[in-house]
């Protein structure tokens, strides 16, 4: 094998590595977009009070943590929405950060909402961390924890 053949071999190897990296980067971007779509679907279902959609978007083992310390299961959380114990008038989500690793994704965002809660309308400005898990080809909320902004 001469130098020219070795150079071509090295160039082809570099192209193959770059193509593989581009492919995985594109897949990661697709997965991040899918998680963002799932977050938006969950937000809409909360505002719409759509219990069936919330159940569909939630893992059976979901843990839903509120900023006040209450932690609910999937069924407990959806029941509060369906029974109108919590009515989400508006929810705005921004400052998104999403990190996908295999079938798990960690999503963080700011939650700015007006909610009927504990018998009155209240405004909430919270930070949220979520863990989404890909189950049966779909992203489902596995863990959600809200916390108050530092003062």
N, C-alpha and C. Protein backbone atom coordinates (compact mmCIF):
# COMPACT_ATOMS: atom_id res chain seq x y z
N UNK A 1 0.85 -1.17 0.00
CA UNK A 1 0.00 0.00 0.00
C UNK A 1 0.90 1.23 0.00
N UNK A 2 0.65 2.17 -0.94
CA UNK A 2 1.47 3.37 -1.01
C UNK A 2 0.83 4.51 -0.20
N UNK A 3 1.55 5.63 -0.18
CA UNK A 3 1.08 6.79 0.60
C UNK A 3 -0.26 7.31 0.11
N UNK A 4 -0.45 7.33 -1.20
CA UNK A 4 -1.70 7.84 -1.75
C UNK A 4 -2.87 6.96 -1.32
N UNK A 5 -2.69 5.65 -1.35
CA UNK A 5 -3.75 4.73 -0.91
C UNK A 5 -4.05 4.93 0.58
N UNK A 6 -2.99 5.14 1.36
CA UNK A 6 -3.18 5.36 2.80
C UNK A 6 -3.93 6.68 3.04
N UNK A 7 -3.59 7.71 2.26
CA UNK A 7 -4.26 9.00 2.41
C UNK A 7 -5.74 8.87 2.07
N UNK A 8 -6.03 8.16 0.98
CA UNK A 8 -7.43 7.94 0.60
C UNK A 8 -8.18 7.15 1.67
N UNK A 9 -7.52 6.15 2.21
CA UNK A 9 -8.13 5.34 3.28
C UNK A 9 -8.44 6.19 4.50
N UNK A 10 -7.49 7.04 4.86
CA UNK A 10 -7.71 7.94 6.01
C UNK A 10 -8.83 8.92 5.74
N UNK A 11 -8.86 9.46 4.52
CA UNK A 11 -9.92 10.41 4.16
C UNK A 11 -11.28 9.74 4.19
N UNK A 12 -11.37 8.53 3.65
CA UNK A 12 -12.65 7.81 3.67
C UNK A 12 -13.08 7.48 5.10
N UNK A 13 -12.14 7.13 5.95
CA UNK A 13 -12.46 6.85 7.35
C UNK A 13 -12.98 8.11 8.03
N UNK A 14 -12.34 9.24 7.77
CA UNK A 14 -12.79 10.51 8.37
C UNK A 14 -14.19 10.87 7.91
N UNK A 15 -14.47 10.65 6.63
CA UNK A 15 -15.81 10.93 6.10
C UNK A 15 -16.84 10.02 6.76
N UNK A 16 -16.50 8.76 6.94
CA UNK A 16 -17.43 7.81 7.57
C UNK A 16 -17.72 8.22 9.01
N UNK A 17 -16.68 8.64 9.74
CA UNK A 17 -16.88 9.09 11.12
C UNK A 17 -17.74 10.34 11.14
N UNK A 18 -17.45 11.29 10.26
CA UNK A 18 -18.25 12.52 10.20
C UNK A 18 -19.70 12.23 9.84
N UNK A 19 -19.92 11.34 8.92
CA UNK A 19 -21.29 10.98 8.53
C UNK A 19 -22.02 10.34 9.69
N UNK A 20 -21.33 9.48 10.43
CA UNK A 20 -21.95 8.85 11.61
C UNK A 20 -22.28 9.87 12.66
N UNK A 21 -21.41 10.84 12.87
CA UNK A 21 -21.66 11.90 13.85
C UNK A 21 -22.82 12.76 13.40
N UNK A 22 -22.89 13.08 12.10
CA UNK A 22 -24.00 13.89 11.60
C UNK A 22 -25.32 13.13 11.77
N UNK A 23 -25.28 11.84 11.52
CA UNK A 23 -26.49 11.05 11.66
C UNK A 23 -26.96 11.03 13.10
N UNK A 24 -26.04 10.85 14.05
CA UNK A 24 -26.44 10.81 15.46
C UNK A 24 -26.85 12.20 15.93
N UNK A 25 -26.24 13.25 15.39
CA UNK A 25 -26.63 14.61 15.74
C UNK A 25 -28.05 14.88 15.24
N UNK A 26 -28.36 14.43 14.04
CA UNK A 26 -29.71 14.60 13.50
C UNK A 26 -30.72 13.82 14.32
N UNK A 27 -30.37 12.60 14.72
CA UNK A 27 -31.28 11.79 15.55
C UNK A 27 -31.51 12.45 16.90
N UNK A 28 -30.45 13.02 17.47
CA UNK A 28 -30.57 13.72 18.75
C UNK A 28 -31.48 14.94 18.60
N UNK A 29 -31.32 15.68 17.52
CA UNK A 29 -32.18 16.85 17.27
C UNK A 29 -33.63 16.41 17.10
N UNK A 30 -33.85 15.30 16.41
CA UNK A 30 -35.22 14.78 16.25
C UNK A 30 -35.81 14.40 17.60
N UNK A 31 -35.03 13.70 18.43
CA UNK A 31 -35.52 13.28 19.75
C UNK A 31 -35.82 14.50 20.62
N UNK A 32 -34.96 15.51 20.57
CA UNK A 32 -35.19 16.73 21.35
C UNK A 32 -36.48 17.40 20.90
N UNK A 33 -36.71 17.46 19.61
CA UNK A 33 -37.96 18.04 19.08
C UNK A 33 -39.18 17.23 19.51
N UNK A 34 -39.04 15.90 19.53
CA UNK A 34 -40.15 15.05 19.97
C UNK A 34 -40.48 15.29 21.44
N UNK A 35 -39.46 15.45 22.26
CA UNK A 35 -39.68 15.72 23.70
C UNK A 35 -40.34 17.09 23.86
N UNK A 36 -39.87 18.07 23.14
CA UNK A 36 -40.49 19.41 23.21
C UNK A 36 -41.96 19.34 22.79
N UNK A 37 -42.25 18.56 21.76
CA UNK A 37 -43.65 18.37 21.33
C UNK A 37 -44.48 17.71 22.43
N UNK A 38 -43.91 16.72 23.10
CA UNK A 38 -44.62 16.03 24.18
C UNK A 38 -44.88 16.99 25.35
N UNK A 39 -43.90 17.84 25.65
CA UNK A 39 -44.07 18.84 26.71
C UNK A 39 -45.22 19.78 26.35
N UNK A 40 -45.27 20.22 25.12
CA UNK A 40 -46.34 21.11 24.67
C UNK A 40 -47.69 20.41 24.70
N UNK A 41 -47.73 19.14 24.28
CA UNK A 41 -48.98 18.37 24.35
C UNK A 41 -49.46 18.24 25.79
N UNK A 42 -48.54 18.01 26.71
CA UNK A 42 -48.90 17.88 28.13
C UNK A 42 -49.44 19.21 28.65
N UNK A 43 -48.79 20.32 28.27
CA UNK A 43 -49.25 21.65 28.69
C UNK A 43 -50.67 21.89 28.20
N UNK A 44 -50.92 21.61 26.92
CA UNK A 44 -52.26 21.80 26.36
C UNK A 44 -53.30 20.94 27.08
N UNK A 45 -52.95 19.69 27.36
CA UNK A 45 -53.88 18.80 28.04
C UNK A 45 -54.20 19.31 29.45
N UNK A 46 -53.22 19.91 30.12
CA UNK A 46 -53.48 20.49 31.45
C UNK A 46 -54.47 21.64 31.33
N UNK A 47 -54.24 22.54 30.38
CA UNK A 47 -55.13 23.69 30.21
C UNK A 47 -56.52 23.25 29.77
N UNK A 48 -56.59 22.25 28.90
CA UNK A 48 -57.87 21.76 28.41
C UNK A 48 -58.59 20.86 29.41
N UNK A 49 -57.89 20.46 30.48
CA UNK A 49 -58.48 19.53 31.43
C UNK A 49 -58.73 18.17 30.81
N UNK A 50 -57.89 17.79 29.85
CA UNK A 50 -58.07 16.56 29.08
C UNK A 50 -57.39 15.38 29.79
N UNK A 51 -58.15 14.74 30.67
CA UNK A 51 -57.61 13.64 31.46
C UNK A 51 -57.13 12.48 30.62
N UNK A 52 -57.87 12.14 29.55
CA UNK A 52 -57.47 11.03 28.69
C UNK A 52 -56.10 11.29 28.06
N UNK A 53 -55.89 12.52 27.62
CA UNK A 53 -54.60 12.86 26.99
C UNK A 53 -53.47 12.87 28.03
N UNK A 54 -53.77 13.38 29.24
CA UNK A 54 -52.76 13.37 30.30
C UNK A 54 -52.35 11.94 30.65
N UNK A 55 -53.33 11.04 30.72
CA UNK A 55 -53.02 9.63 30.99
C UNK A 55 -52.14 9.05 29.90
N UNK A 56 -52.45 9.38 28.66
CA UNK A 56 -51.71 8.87 27.51
C UNK A 56 -50.26 9.37 27.50
N UNK A 57 -50.05 10.60 27.94
CA UNK A 57 -48.73 11.22 27.91
C UNK A 57 -47.89 10.89 29.15
N UNK A 58 -48.48 10.19 30.12
CA UNK A 58 -47.81 9.91 31.38
C UNK A 58 -47.42 8.44 31.48
N UNK A 59 -46.24 8.20 32.02
CA UNK A 59 -45.81 6.84 32.32
C UNK A 59 -46.67 6.30 33.46
N UNK A 60 -46.91 5.01 33.48
CA UNK A 60 -47.68 4.42 34.57
C UNK A 60 -47.03 4.67 35.92
N UNK A 61 -45.71 4.79 35.94
CA UNK A 61 -44.96 5.00 37.18
C UNK A 61 -44.66 6.47 37.46
N UNK A 62 -45.39 7.38 36.82
CA UNK A 62 -45.09 8.81 36.94
C UNK A 62 -45.16 9.29 38.39
N UNK A 63 -44.25 10.18 38.72
CA UNK A 63 -44.24 10.89 40.00
C UNK A 63 -44.34 12.37 39.66
N UNK A 64 -45.38 13.03 40.19
CA UNK A 64 -45.66 14.42 39.86
C UNK A 64 -45.50 15.25 41.13
N UNK A 65 -44.38 15.98 41.24
CA UNK A 65 -44.07 16.75 42.43
C UNK A 65 -44.41 18.22 42.27
N UNK A 66 -45.12 18.75 43.26
CA UNK A 66 -45.50 20.16 43.29
C UNK A 66 -44.50 20.96 44.13
N UNK A 67 -44.43 22.25 43.89
CA UNK A 67 -43.49 23.12 44.60
C UNK A 67 -43.77 23.16 46.10
N UNK A 68 -45.00 22.92 46.50
CA UNK A 68 -45.36 22.93 47.92
C UNK A 68 -45.02 21.64 48.64
N UNK A 69 -44.47 20.67 47.95
CA UNK A 69 -44.04 19.43 48.58
C UNK A 69 -44.95 18.24 48.34
N UNK A 70 -46.14 18.46 47.79
CA UNK A 70 -47.05 17.35 47.50
C UNK A 70 -46.52 16.56 46.31
N UNK A 71 -46.52 15.25 46.43
CA UNK A 71 -46.11 14.37 45.34
C UNK A 71 -47.28 13.45 45.03
N UNK A 72 -47.64 13.38 43.75
CA UNK A 72 -48.78 12.58 43.32
C UNK A 72 -48.36 11.52 42.31
N UNK A 73 -49.14 10.46 42.27
CA UNK A 73 -48.99 9.45 41.22
C UNK A 73 -49.68 9.98 39.97
N UNK A 74 -49.55 9.24 38.90
CA UNK A 74 -50.22 9.56 37.64
C UNK A 74 -51.72 9.73 37.86
N UNK A 75 -52.35 8.74 38.45
CA UNK A 75 -53.80 8.76 38.65
C UNK A 75 -54.22 9.90 39.58
N UNK A 76 -53.46 10.13 40.64
CA UNK A 76 -53.80 11.21 41.58
C UNK A 76 -53.73 12.57 40.89
N UNK A 77 -52.69 12.80 40.11
CA UNK A 77 -52.57 14.09 39.42
C UNK A 77 -53.70 14.28 38.42
N UNK A 78 -53.92 13.30 37.57
CA UNK A 78 -54.96 13.43 36.54
C UNK A 78 -56.34 13.64 37.19
N UNK A 79 -56.58 12.97 38.31
CA UNK A 79 -57.86 13.13 39.02
C UNK A 79 -58.05 14.58 39.47
N UNK A 80 -57.00 15.25 39.95
CA UNK A 80 -57.14 16.65 40.38
C UNK A 80 -57.52 17.56 39.21
N UNK A 81 -57.02 17.23 38.02
CA UNK A 81 -57.35 18.02 36.83
C UNK A 81 -58.78 17.73 36.38
N UNK A 82 -59.12 16.46 36.28
CA UNK A 82 -60.46 16.05 35.81
C UNK A 82 -61.54 16.52 36.78
N UNK A 83 -61.27 16.40 38.09
CA UNK A 83 -62.25 16.82 39.11
C UNK A 83 -62.24 18.33 39.36
N UNK A 84 -61.37 19.04 38.62
CA UNK A 84 -61.27 20.50 38.68
C UNK A 84 -60.83 21.02 40.06
N UNK A 85 -60.07 20.19 40.79
CA UNK A 85 -59.43 20.68 42.02
C UNK A 85 -58.36 21.70 41.64
N UNK A 86 -57.75 21.48 40.48
CA UNK A 86 -56.81 22.42 39.89
C UNK A 86 -57.31 22.70 38.48
N UNK A 87 -57.53 23.97 38.18
CA UNK A 87 -57.93 24.37 36.83
C UNK A 87 -56.84 25.28 36.31
N UNK A 88 -56.21 24.85 35.25
CA UNK A 88 -55.11 25.61 34.66
C UNK A 88 -55.69 26.56 33.61
N UNK A 89 -55.87 27.84 34.01
CA UNK A 89 -56.41 28.82 33.07
C UNK A 89 -55.40 29.10 31.96
N UNK A 90 -54.18 29.39 32.36
CA UNK A 90 -53.10 29.63 31.39
C UNK A 90 -51.82 29.00 31.90
N UNK A 91 -51.03 28.51 30.97
CA UNK A 91 -49.68 28.03 31.28
C UNK A 91 -48.77 28.47 30.14
N UNK A 92 -47.72 29.18 30.51
CA UNK A 92 -46.68 29.55 29.55
C UNK A 92 -45.41 28.85 30.00
N UNK A 93 -44.74 28.20 29.07
CA UNK A 93 -43.47 27.53 29.35
C UNK A 93 -42.38 28.18 28.51
N UNK A 94 -41.27 28.50 29.14
CA UNK A 94 -40.16 29.09 28.39
C UNK A 94 -38.83 28.76 29.07
N UNK A 95 -37.75 29.21 28.49
CA UNK A 95 -36.39 28.88 28.95
C UNK A 95 -36.17 27.36 28.93
N UNK A 96 -36.56 26.71 27.84
CA UNK A 96 -36.43 25.26 27.73
C UNK A 96 -34.98 24.83 27.63
N UNK A 97 -34.67 23.74 28.31
CA UNK A 97 -33.39 23.06 28.19
C UNK A 97 -33.72 21.57 28.17
N UNK A 98 -33.29 20.88 27.13
CA UNK A 98 -33.60 19.46 26.99
C UNK A 98 -32.32 18.71 26.68
N UNK A 99 -32.08 17.64 27.43
CA UNK A 99 -30.92 16.77 27.21
C UNK A 99 -31.44 15.35 27.05
N UNK A 100 -31.20 14.78 25.88
CA UNK A 100 -31.66 13.42 25.58
C UNK A 100 -30.47 12.47 25.67
N UNK A 101 -30.71 11.33 26.33
CA UNK A 101 -29.70 10.28 26.44
C UNK A 101 -30.42 8.94 26.31
N UNK A 102 -30.33 8.36 25.13
CA UNK A 102 -31.01 7.09 24.88
C UNK A 102 -32.52 7.24 24.98
N UNK A 103 -33.13 6.45 25.86
CA UNK A 103 -34.59 6.51 26.00
C UNK A 103 -35.04 7.40 27.15
N UNK A 104 -34.12 8.24 27.65
CA UNK A 104 -34.44 9.20 28.71
C UNK A 104 -34.14 10.62 28.25
N UNK A 105 -34.93 11.56 28.75
CA UNK A 105 -34.69 12.97 28.47
C UNK A 105 -34.94 13.76 29.73
N UNK A 106 -34.05 14.69 30.01
CA UNK A 106 -34.23 15.62 31.12
C UNK A 106 -34.61 16.96 30.51
N UNK A 107 -35.75 17.47 30.94
CA UNK A 107 -36.24 18.75 30.42
C UNK A 107 -36.41 19.71 31.58
N UNK A 108 -35.97 20.93 31.37
CA UNK A 108 -36.13 22.00 32.36
C UNK A 108 -36.78 23.18 31.67
N UNK A 109 -37.63 23.88 32.41
CA UNK A 109 -38.23 25.10 31.87
C UNK A 109 -38.82 25.94 33.00
N UNK A 110 -39.20 27.15 32.65
CA UNK A 110 -39.92 28.03 33.56
C UNK A 110 -41.40 27.85 33.28
N UNK A 111 -42.18 27.79 34.36
CA UNK A 111 -43.62 27.55 34.33
C UNK A 111 -44.28 28.82 34.87
N UNK A 112 -45.01 29.51 34.02
CA UNK A 112 -45.69 30.76 34.38
C UNK A 112 -47.18 30.51 34.13
N UNK A 113 -47.96 30.42 35.22
CA UNK A 113 -49.35 29.98 35.06
C UNK A 113 -50.32 30.73 35.97
N UNK A 114 -51.57 30.75 35.52
CA UNK A 114 -52.68 31.19 36.35
C UNK A 114 -53.55 29.96 36.56
N UNK A 115 -53.74 29.62 37.83
CA UNK A 115 -54.41 28.36 38.19
C UNK A 115 -55.46 28.62 39.26
N UNK A 116 -56.62 27.97 39.12
CA UNK A 116 -57.59 27.93 40.21
C UNK A 116 -57.13 26.80 41.11
N UNK A 117 -56.69 27.16 42.32
CA UNK A 117 -56.09 26.19 43.23
C UNK A 117 -56.44 26.58 44.66
N UNK A 118 -56.83 25.62 45.46
CA UNK A 118 -57.22 25.85 46.85
C UNK A 118 -58.31 26.91 46.96
N UNK A 119 -59.27 26.85 46.03
CA UNK A 119 -60.45 27.70 46.10
C UNK A 119 -60.30 29.10 45.55
N UNK A 120 -59.15 29.42 44.94
CA UNK A 120 -58.99 30.77 44.39
C UNK A 120 -58.02 30.75 43.22
N UNK A 121 -58.12 31.80 42.40
CA UNK A 121 -57.17 31.96 41.29
C UNK A 121 -55.84 32.42 41.84
N UNK A 122 -54.78 31.79 41.36
CA UNK A 122 -53.44 32.12 41.82
C UNK A 122 -52.47 32.13 40.65
N UNK A 123 -51.48 32.99 40.73
CA UNK A 123 -50.42 33.03 39.74
C UNK A 123 -49.21 32.29 40.30
N UNK A 124 -48.59 31.47 39.46
CA UNK A 124 -47.41 30.71 39.86
C UNK A 124 -46.29 30.98 38.86
N UNK A 125 -45.11 31.23 39.37
CA UNK A 125 -43.90 31.33 38.56
C UNK A 125 -42.91 30.35 39.18
N UNK A 126 -42.70 29.24 38.51
CA UNK A 126 -41.91 28.14 39.05
C UNK A 126 -40.87 27.66 38.04
N UNK A 127 -39.91 26.95 38.53
CA UNK A 127 -39.00 26.20 37.69
C UNK A 127 -39.45 24.75 37.74
N UNK A 128 -39.31 24.06 36.63
CA UNK A 128 -39.74 22.68 36.52
C UNK A 128 -38.59 21.84 35.97
N UNK A 129 -38.41 20.67 36.53
CA UNK A 129 -37.53 19.66 35.93
C UNK A 129 -38.40 18.43 35.69
N UNK A 130 -38.24 17.87 34.51
CA UNK A 130 -39.01 16.68 34.12
C UNK A 130 -38.05 15.63 33.59
N UNK A 131 -38.42 14.38 33.80
CA UNK A 131 -37.74 13.27 33.15
C UNK A 131 -38.78 12.59 32.28
N UNK A 132 -38.48 12.51 31.01
CA UNK A 132 -39.33 11.84 30.03
C UNK A 132 -38.66 10.53 29.66
N UNK A 133 -39.46 9.49 29.48
CA UNK A 133 -38.94 8.18 29.11
C UNK A 133 -39.66 7.70 27.85
N UNK A 134 -38.89 7.19 26.92
CA UNK A 134 -39.49 6.67 25.69
C UNK A 134 -40.00 5.27 25.97
N UNK A 135 -41.31 5.10 25.87
CA UNK A 135 -41.97 3.82 26.13
C UNK A 135 -42.81 3.47 24.91
N UNK A 136 -42.61 2.30 24.38
CA UNK A 136 -43.36 1.85 23.20
C UNK A 136 -43.31 2.87 22.07
N UNK A 137 -42.13 3.47 21.89
CA UNK A 137 -41.92 4.40 20.79
C UNK A 137 -42.45 5.81 21.02
N UNK A 138 -42.96 6.11 22.24
CA UNK A 138 -43.52 7.44 22.52
C UNK A 138 -42.91 7.99 23.80
N UNK A 139 -42.71 9.30 23.83
CA UNK A 139 -42.19 9.96 25.03
C UNK A 139 -43.32 10.14 26.03
N UNK A 140 -43.08 9.66 27.26
CA UNK A 140 -44.06 9.79 28.34
C UNK A 140 -43.38 10.40 29.56
N UNK A 141 -44.14 11.25 30.25
CA UNK A 141 -43.62 11.90 31.45
C UNK A 141 -43.44 10.86 32.55
N UNK A 142 -42.22 10.76 33.06
CA UNK A 142 -41.89 9.81 34.11
C UNK A 142 -41.79 10.51 35.46
N UNK A 143 -41.21 11.70 35.47
CA UNK A 143 -41.04 12.45 36.71
C UNK A 143 -41.16 13.93 36.42
N UNK A 144 -41.86 14.63 37.31
CA UNK A 144 -41.97 16.09 37.20
C UNK A 144 -41.82 16.65 38.60
N UNK A 145 -40.93 17.60 38.76
CA UNK A 145 -40.76 18.27 40.05
C UNK A 145 -40.71 19.77 39.82
N UNK A 146 -41.58 20.48 40.54
CA UNK A 146 -41.61 21.94 40.49
C UNK A 146 -40.89 22.48 41.73
N UNK A 147 -40.28 23.65 41.58
CA UNK A 147 -39.69 24.31 42.73
C UNK A 147 -39.77 25.82 42.54
N UNK A 148 -39.82 26.51 43.66
CA UNK A 148 -39.94 27.97 43.63
C UNK A 148 -38.62 28.58 43.22
N UNK A 149 -38.71 29.71 42.55
CA UNK A 149 -37.50 30.45 42.16
C UNK A 149 -36.80 30.96 43.41
N UNK A 150 -35.49 30.94 43.42
CA UNK A 150 -34.76 31.50 44.57
C UNK A 150 -35.07 32.98 44.73
N UNK A 151 -35.16 33.42 45.97
CA UNK A 151 -35.45 34.84 46.22
C UNK A 151 -34.20 35.65 46.45
